[in-house]
Amino acid sequence: MSTRIYKVTNKAGITQGIRAATQAQAIRHAARGEYKAAVASQDDIVSMMSAGVKIEEAGKEQDD
């Protein structure tokens, strides 16, 4: 699979040049170390919702 160089910029305006096969791969690379994901337990879900954390749907556009 061929690669391209993607310009990935975060909301703080910091830009990285990342060689990747896809845009998603470039973003995953840039986000690595900044984020961690794990399946939420029932207690996690209750805590998040009690704190007002909105549960988002992956793949749907988010309002910025």
PDB file of N, CA and C in Angstrom:
ATOM      1  N   MET A   1       0.848  -1.178   0.000  1.00  0.00           N
ATOM      2  CA  MET A   1       0.000   0.000   0.000  1.00  0.00           C
ATOM      3  C   MET A   1       0.894   1.241   0.000  1.00  0.00           C
ATOM      4  N   SER A   2       0.596   2.190  -0.821  1.00  0.00           N
ATOM      5  CA  SER A   2       1.415   3.402  -0.897  1.00  0.00           C
ATOM      6  C   SER A   2       1.094   4.332   0.271  1.00  0.00           C
ATOM      7  N   THR A   3       2.022   5.208   0.558  1.00  0.00           N
ATOM      8  CA  THR A   3       1.828   6.157   1.654  1.00  0.00           C
ATOM      9  C   THR A   3       1.879   7.579   1.129  1.00  0.00           C
ATOM     10  N   ARG A   4       1.347   8.467   1.929  1.00  0.00           N
ATOM     11  CA  ARG A   4       1.396   9.900   1.672  1.00  0.00           C
ATOM     12  C   ARG A   4       1.874  10.566   2.940  1.00  0.00           C
ATOM     13  N   ILE A   5       2.250  11.825   2.833  1.00  0.00           N
ATOM     14  CA  ILE A   5       2.559  12.596   4.024  1.00  0.00           C
ATOM     15  C   ILE A   5       1.339  13.442   4.343  1.00  0.00           C
ATOM     16  N   TYR A   6       0.816  13.247   5.556  1.00  0.00           N
ATOM     17  CA  TYR A   6      -0.351  13.989   6.007  1.00  0.00           C
ATOM     18  C   TYR A   6       0.077  15.095   6.962  1.00  0.00           C
ATOM     19  N   LYS A   7      -0.567  16.235   6.847  1.00  0.00           N
ATOM     20  CA  LYS A   7      -0.380  17.351   7.775  1.00  0.00           C
ATOM     21  C   LYS A   7      -1.476  17.203   8.827  1.00  0.00           C
ATOM     22  N   VAL A   8      -1.094  16.881  10.058  1.00  0.00           N
ATOM     23  CA  VAL A   8      -2.052  16.665  11.140  1.00  0.00           C
ATOM     24  C   VAL A   8      -1.885  17.803  12.138  1.00  0.00           C
ATOM     25  N   THR A   9      -2.964  18.552  12.374  1.00  0.00           N
ATOM     26  CA  THR A   9      -2.926  19.707  13.262  1.00  0.00           C
ATOM     27  C   THR A   9      -3.941  19.525  14.378  1.00  0.00           C
ATOM     28  N   ASN A  10      -3.504  19.747  15.625  1.00  0.00           N
ATOM     29  CA  ASN A  10      -4.444  19.635  16.733  1.00  0.00           C
ATOM     30  C   ASN A  10      -5.128  20.977  16.982  1.00  0.00           C
ATOM     31  N   LYS A  11      -6.054  21.011  17.930  1.00  0.00           N
ATOM     32  CA  LYS A  11      -6.813  22.237  18.184  1.00  0.00           C
ATOM     33  C   LYS A  11      -5.956  23.361  18.747  1.00  0.00           C
ATOM     34  N   ALA A  12      -4.799  23.018  19.306  1.00  0.00           N
ATOM     35  CA  ALA A  12      -3.878  24.043  19.816  1.00  0.00           C
ATOM     36  C   ALA A  12      -3.027  24.638  18.701  1.00  0.00           C
ATOM     37  N   GLY A  13      -3.181  24.096  17.479  1.00  0.00           N
ATOM     38  CA  GLY A  13      -2.438  24.614  16.340  1.00  0.00           C
ATOM     39  C   GLY A  13      -1.091  23.961  16.105  1.00  0.00           C
ATOM     40  N   ILE A  14      -0.785  22.921  16.862  1.00  0.00           N
ATOM     41  CA  ILE A  14       0.485  22.211  16.679  1.00  0.00           C
ATOM     42  C   ILE A  14       0.341  21.250  15.503  1.00  0.00           C
ATOM     43  N   THR A  15       1.263  21.354  14.547  1.00  0.00           N
ATOM     44  CA  THR A  15       1.203  20.562  13.323  1.00  0.00           C
ATOM     45  C   THR A  15       2.310  19.527  13.296  1.00  0.00           C
ATOM     46  N   GLN A  16       1.963  18.341  12.801  1.00  0.00           N
ATOM     47  CA  GLN A  16       2.935  17.270  12.604  1.00  0.00           C
ATOM     48  C   GLN A  16       2.834  16.796  11.164  1.00  0.00           C
ATOM     49  N   GLY A  17       3.949  16.391  10.594  1.00  0.00           N
ATOM     50  CA  GLY A  17       3.950  15.737   9.292  1.00  0.00           C
ATOM     51  C   GLY A  17       4.095  14.243   9.530  1.00  0.00           C
ATOM     52  N   ILE A  18       3.145  13.472   9.058  1.00  0.00           N
ATOM     53  CA  ILE A  18       3.146  12.037   9.338  1.00  0.00           C
ATOM     54  C   ILE A  18       2.967  11.262   8.040  1.00  0.00           C
ATOM     55  N   ARG A  19       3.903  10.358   7.753  1.00  0.00           N
ATOM     56  CA  ARG A  19       3.789   9.489   6.584  1.00  0.00           C
ATOM     57  C   ARG A  19       2.917   8.300   6.986  1.00  0.00           C
ATOM     58  N   ALA A  20       1.820   8.098   6.252  1.00  0.00           N
ATOM     59  CA  ALA A  20       0.881   7.027   6.579  1.00  0.00           C
ATOM     60  C   ALA A  20       0.141   6.589   5.329  1.00  0.00           C
ATOM     61  N   ALA A  21      -0.468   5.413   5.412  1.00  0.00           N
ATOM     62  CA  ALA A  21      -1.237   4.884   4.289  1.00  0.00           C
ATOM     63  C   ALA A  21      -2.609   5.536   4.183  1.00  0.00           C
ATOM     64  N   THR A  22      -3.173   5.948   5.328  1.00  0.00           N
ATOM     65  CA  THR A  22      -4.504   6.563   5.326  1.00  0.00           C
ATOM     66  C   THR A  22      -4.539   7.740   6.289  1.00  0.00           C
ATOM     67  N   GLN A  23      -5.539   8.579   6.121  1.00  0.00           N
ATOM     68  CA  GLN A  23      -5.738   9.716   7.019  1.00  0.00           C
ATOM     69  C   GLN A  23      -5.983   9.223   8.446  1.00  0.00           C
ATOM     70  N   ALA A  24      -6.800   8.175   8.588  1.00  0.00           N
ATOM     71  CA  ALA A  24      -7.095   7.628   9.914  1.00  0.00           C
ATOM     72  C   ALA A  24      -5.823   7.127  10.597  1.00  0.00           C
ATOM     73  N   GLN A  25      -4.947   6.483   9.837  1.00  0.00           N
ATOM     74  CA  GLN A  25      -3.692   5.983  10.398  1.00  0.00           C
ATOM     75  C   GLN A  25      -2.821   7.148  10.872  1.00  0.00           C
ATOM     76  N   ALA A  26      -2.800   8.228  10.119  1.00  0.00           N
ATOM     77  CA  ALA A  26      -2.020   9.407  10.503  1.00  0.00           C
ATOM     78  C   ALA A  26      -2.559  10.024  11.797  1.00  0.00           C
ATOM     79  N   ILE A  27      -3.864  10.118  11.915  1.00  0.00           N
ATOM     80  CA  ILE A  27      -4.469  10.686  13.119  1.00  0.00           C
ATOM     81  C   ILE A  27      -4.228   9.778  14.322  1.00  0.00           C
ATOM     82  N   ARG A  28      -4.362   8.458  14.129  1.00  0.00           N
ATOM     83  CA  ARG A  28      -4.074   7.521  15.227  1.00  0.00           C
ATOM     84  C   ARG A  28      -2.628   7.683  15.708  1.00  0.00           C
ATOM     85  N   HIS A  29      -1.720   7.833  14.772  1.00  0.00           N
ATOM     86  CA  HIS A  29      -0.308   8.006  15.133  1.00  0.00           C
ATOM     87  C   HIS A  29      -0.120   9.292  15.946  1.00  0.00           C
ATOM     88  N   ALA A  30      -0.733  10.373  15.509  1.00  0.00           N
ATOM     89  CA  ALA A  30      -0.592  11.656  16.197  1.00  0.00           C
ATOM     90  C   ALA A  30      -1.216  11.611  17.593  1.00  0.00           C
ATOM     91  N   ALA A  31      -2.311  10.892  17.739  1.00  0.00           N
ATOM     92  CA  ALA A  31      -3.026  10.835  19.017  1.00  0.00           C
ATOM     93  C   ALA A  31      -2.401   9.853  19.998  1.00  0.00           C
ATOM     94  N   ARG A  32      -1.554   8.979  19.494  1.00  0.00           N
ATOM     95  CA  ARG A  32      -0.910   7.977  20.344  1.00  0.00           C
ATOM     96  C   ARG A  32      -0.151   8.676  21.463  1.00  0.00           C
ATOM     97  N   GLY A  33      -0.341   8.232  22.655  1.00  0.00           N
ATOM     98  CA  GLY A  33       0.306   8.855  23.807  1.00  0.00           C
ATOM     99  C   GLY A  33      -0.519   9.964  24.428  1.00  0.00           C
ATOM    100  N   GLU A  34      -1.395  10.566  23.662  1.00  0.00           N
ATOM    101  CA  GLU A  34      -2.267  11.624  24.179  1.00  0.00           C
ATOM    102  C   GLU A  34      -3.567  11.049  24.738  1.00  0.00           C
ATOM    103  N   TYR A  35      -3.965   9.907  24.224  1.00  0.00           N
ATOM    104  CA  TYR A  35      -5.238   9.311  24.607  1.00  0.00           C
ATOM    105  C   TYR A  35      -5.042   7.837  24.920  1.00  0.00           C
ATOM    106  N   LYS A  36      -5.923   7.320  25.757  1.00  0.00           N
ATOM    107  CA  LYS A  36      -5.935   5.908  26.092  1.00  0.00           C
ATOM    108  C   LYS A  36      -7.398   5.485  26.076  1.00  0.00           C
ATOM    109  N   ALA A  37      -7.703   4.321  25.541  1.00  0.00           N
ATOM    110  CA  ALA A  37      -9.092   3.854  25.480  1.00  0.00           C
ATOM    111  C   ALA A  37      -9.193   2.471  26.105  1.00  0.00           C
ATOM    112  N   ALA A  38     -10.273   2.263  26.834  1.00  0.00           N
ATOM    113  CA  ALA A  38     -10.584   0.963  27.428  1.00  0.00           C
ATOM    114  C   ALA A  38     -12.096   0.854  27.510  1.00  0.00           C
ATOM    115  N   VAL A  39     -12.593  -0.346  27.502  1.00  0.00           N
ATOM    116  CA  VAL A  39     -14.040  -0.549  27.631  1.00  0.00           C
ATOM    117  C   VAL A  39     -14.480  -0.029  28.996  1.00  0.00           C
ATOM    118  N   ALA A  40     -15.526   0.774  29.008  1.00  0.00           N
ATOM    119  CA  ALA A  40     -16.030   1.360  30.253  1.00  0.00           C
ATOM    120  C   ALA A  40     -16.837   0.333  31.039  1.00  0.00           C
ATOM    121  N   SER A  41     -16.606   0.313  32.341  1.00  0.00           N
ATOM    122  CA  SER A  41     -17.415  -0.538  33.211  1.00  0.00           C
ATOM    123  C   SER A  41     -18.755   0.160  33.458  1.00  0.00           C
ATOM    124  N   GLN A  42     -19.689  -0.544  34.056  1.00  0.00           N
ATOM    125  CA  GLN A  42     -20.971   0.083  34.396  1.00  0.00           C
ATOM    126  C   GLN A  42     -20.752   1.248  35.357  1.00  0.00           C
ATOM    127  N   ASP A  43     -19.844   1.074  36.313  1.00  0.00           N
ATOM    128  CA  ASP A  43     -19.545   2.163  37.255  1.00  0.00           C
ATOM    129  C   ASP A  43     -18.929   3.366  36.536  1.00  0.00           C
ATOM    130  N   ASP A  44     -18.063   3.103  35.546  1.00  0.00           N
ATOM    131  CA  ASP A  44     -17.485   4.192  34.755  1.00  0.00           C
ATOM    132  C   ASP A  44     -18.579   4.982  34.051  1.00  0.00           C
ATOM    133  N   ILE A  45     -19.518   4.262  33.446  1.00  0.00           N
ATOM    134  CA  ILE A  45     -20.605   4.913  32.698  1.00  0.00           C
ATOM    135  C   ILE A  45     -21.451   5.764  33.627  1.00  0.00           C
ATOM    136  N   VAL A  46     -21.809   5.205  34.794  1.00  0.00           N
ATOM    137  CA  VAL A  46     -22.607   5.953  35.767  1.00  0.00           C
ATOM    138  C   VAL A  46     -21.857   7.204  36.206  1.00  0.00           C
ATOM    139  N   SER A  47     -20.558   7.069  36.506  1.00  0.00           N
ATOM    140  CA  SER A  47     -19.756   8.224  36.934  1.00  0.00           C
ATOM    141  C   SER A  47     -19.677   9.291  35.849  1.00  0.00           C
ATOM    142  N   MET A  48     -19.441   8.862  34.611  1.00  0.00           N
ATOM    143  CA  MET A  48     -19.336   9.828  33.516  1.00  0.00           C
ATOM    144  C   MET A  48     -20.651  10.563  33.312  1.00  0.00           C
ATOM    145  N   MET A  49     -21.745   9.824  33.284  1.00  0.00           N
ATOM    146  CA  MET A  49     -23.044  10.461  33.044  1.00  0.00           C
ATOM    147  C   MET A  49     -23.427  11.365  34.207  1.00  0.00           C
ATOM    148  N   SER A  50     -23.099  10.963  35.437  1.00  0.00           N
ATOM    149  CA  SER A  50     -23.378  11.804  36.610  1.00  0.00           C
ATOM    150  C   SER A  50     -22.592  13.108  36.557  1.00  0.00           C
ATOM    151  N   ALA A  51     -21.409  13.047  35.963  1.00  0.00           N
ATOM    152  CA  ALA A  51     -20.562  14.238  35.830  1.00  0.00           C
ATOM    153  C   ALA A  51     -20.930  15.075  34.611  1.00  0.00           C
ATOM    154  N   GLY A  52     -21.938  14.649  33.859  1.00  0.00           N
ATOM    155  CA  GLY A  52     -22.374  15.414  32.695  1.00  0.00           C
ATOM    156  C   GLY A  52     -21.614  15.115  31.423  1.00  0.00           C
ATOM    157  N   VAL A  53     -20.841  14.023  31.417  1.00  0.00           N
ATOM    158  CA  VAL A  53     -20.095  13.643  30.215  1.00  0.00           C
ATOM    159  C   VAL A  53     -21.078  13.069  29.201  1.00  0.00           C
ATOM    160  N   LYS A  54     -21.086  13.637  28.002  1.00  0.00           N
ATOM    161  CA  LYS A  54     -21.967  13.169  26.936  1.00  0.00           C
ATOM    162  C   LYS A  54     -21.346  11.949  26.269  1.00  0.00           C
ATOM    163  N   ILE A  55     -22.132  10.904  26.085  1.00  0.00           N
ATOM    164  CA  ILE A  55     -21.661   9.720  25.379  1.00  0.00           C
ATOM    165  C   ILE A  55     -21.825   9.994  23.885  1.00  0.00           C
ATOM    166  N   GLU A  56     -20.714   9.991  23.161  1.00  0.00           N
ATOM    167  CA  GLU A  56     -20.712  10.326  21.741  1.00  0.00           C
ATOM    168  C   GLU A  56     -20.763   9.069  20.882  1.00  0.00           C
ATOM    169  N   GLU A  57     -21.265   9.204  19.682  1.00  0.00           N
ATOM    170  CA  GLU A  57     -21.350   8.103  18.716  1.00  0.00           C
ATOM    171  C   GLU A  57     -20.197   8.218  17.727  1.00  0.00           C
ATOM    172  N   ALA A  58     -19.307   7.244  17.715  1.00  0.00           N
ATOM    173  CA  ALA A  58     -18.173   7.266  16.780  1.00  0.00           C
ATOM    174  C   ALA A  58     -18.695   7.246  15.344  1.00  0.00           C
ATOM    175  N   GLY A  59     -18.075   8.033  14.504  1.00  0.00           N
ATOM    176  CA  GLY A  59     -18.456   8.071  13.097  1.00  0.00           C
ATOM    177  C   GLY A  59     -19.460   9.166  12.775  1.00  0.00           C
ATOM    178  N   LYS A  60     -20.053   9.768  13.796  1.00  0.00           N
ATOM    179  CA  LYS A  60     -20.981  10.864  13.578  1.00  0.00           C
ATOM    180  C   LYS A  60     -20.262  12.179  13.782  1.00  0.00           C
ATOM    181  N   GLU A  61     -20.655  13.178  13.007  1.00  0.00           N
ATOM    182  CA  GLU A  61     -20.039  14.497  13.112  1.00  0.00           C
ATOM    183  C   GLU A  61     -20.320  15.091  14.493  1.00  0.00           C
ATOM    184  N   GLN A  62     -19.300  15.720  15.063  1.00  0.00           N
ATOM    185  CA  GLN A  62     -19.429  16.374  16.361  1.00  0.00           C
ATOM    186  C   GLN A  62     -19.409  17.879  16.168  1.00  0.00           C
ATOM    187  N   ASP A  63     -20.176  18.601  16.997  1.00  0.00           N
ATOM    188  CA  ASP A  63     -20.124  20.069  16.980  1.00  0.00           C
ATOM    189  C   ASP A  63     -18.861  20.500  17.679  1.00  0.00           C
ATOM    190  N   ASP A  64     -18.112  21.416  17.070  1.00  0.00           N
ATOM    191  CA  ASP A  64     -16.870  21.917  17.696  1.00  0.00           C
ATOM    192  C   ASP A  64     -17.156  23.087  18.576  1.00  0.00           C
TER     193      ASP A  64
END
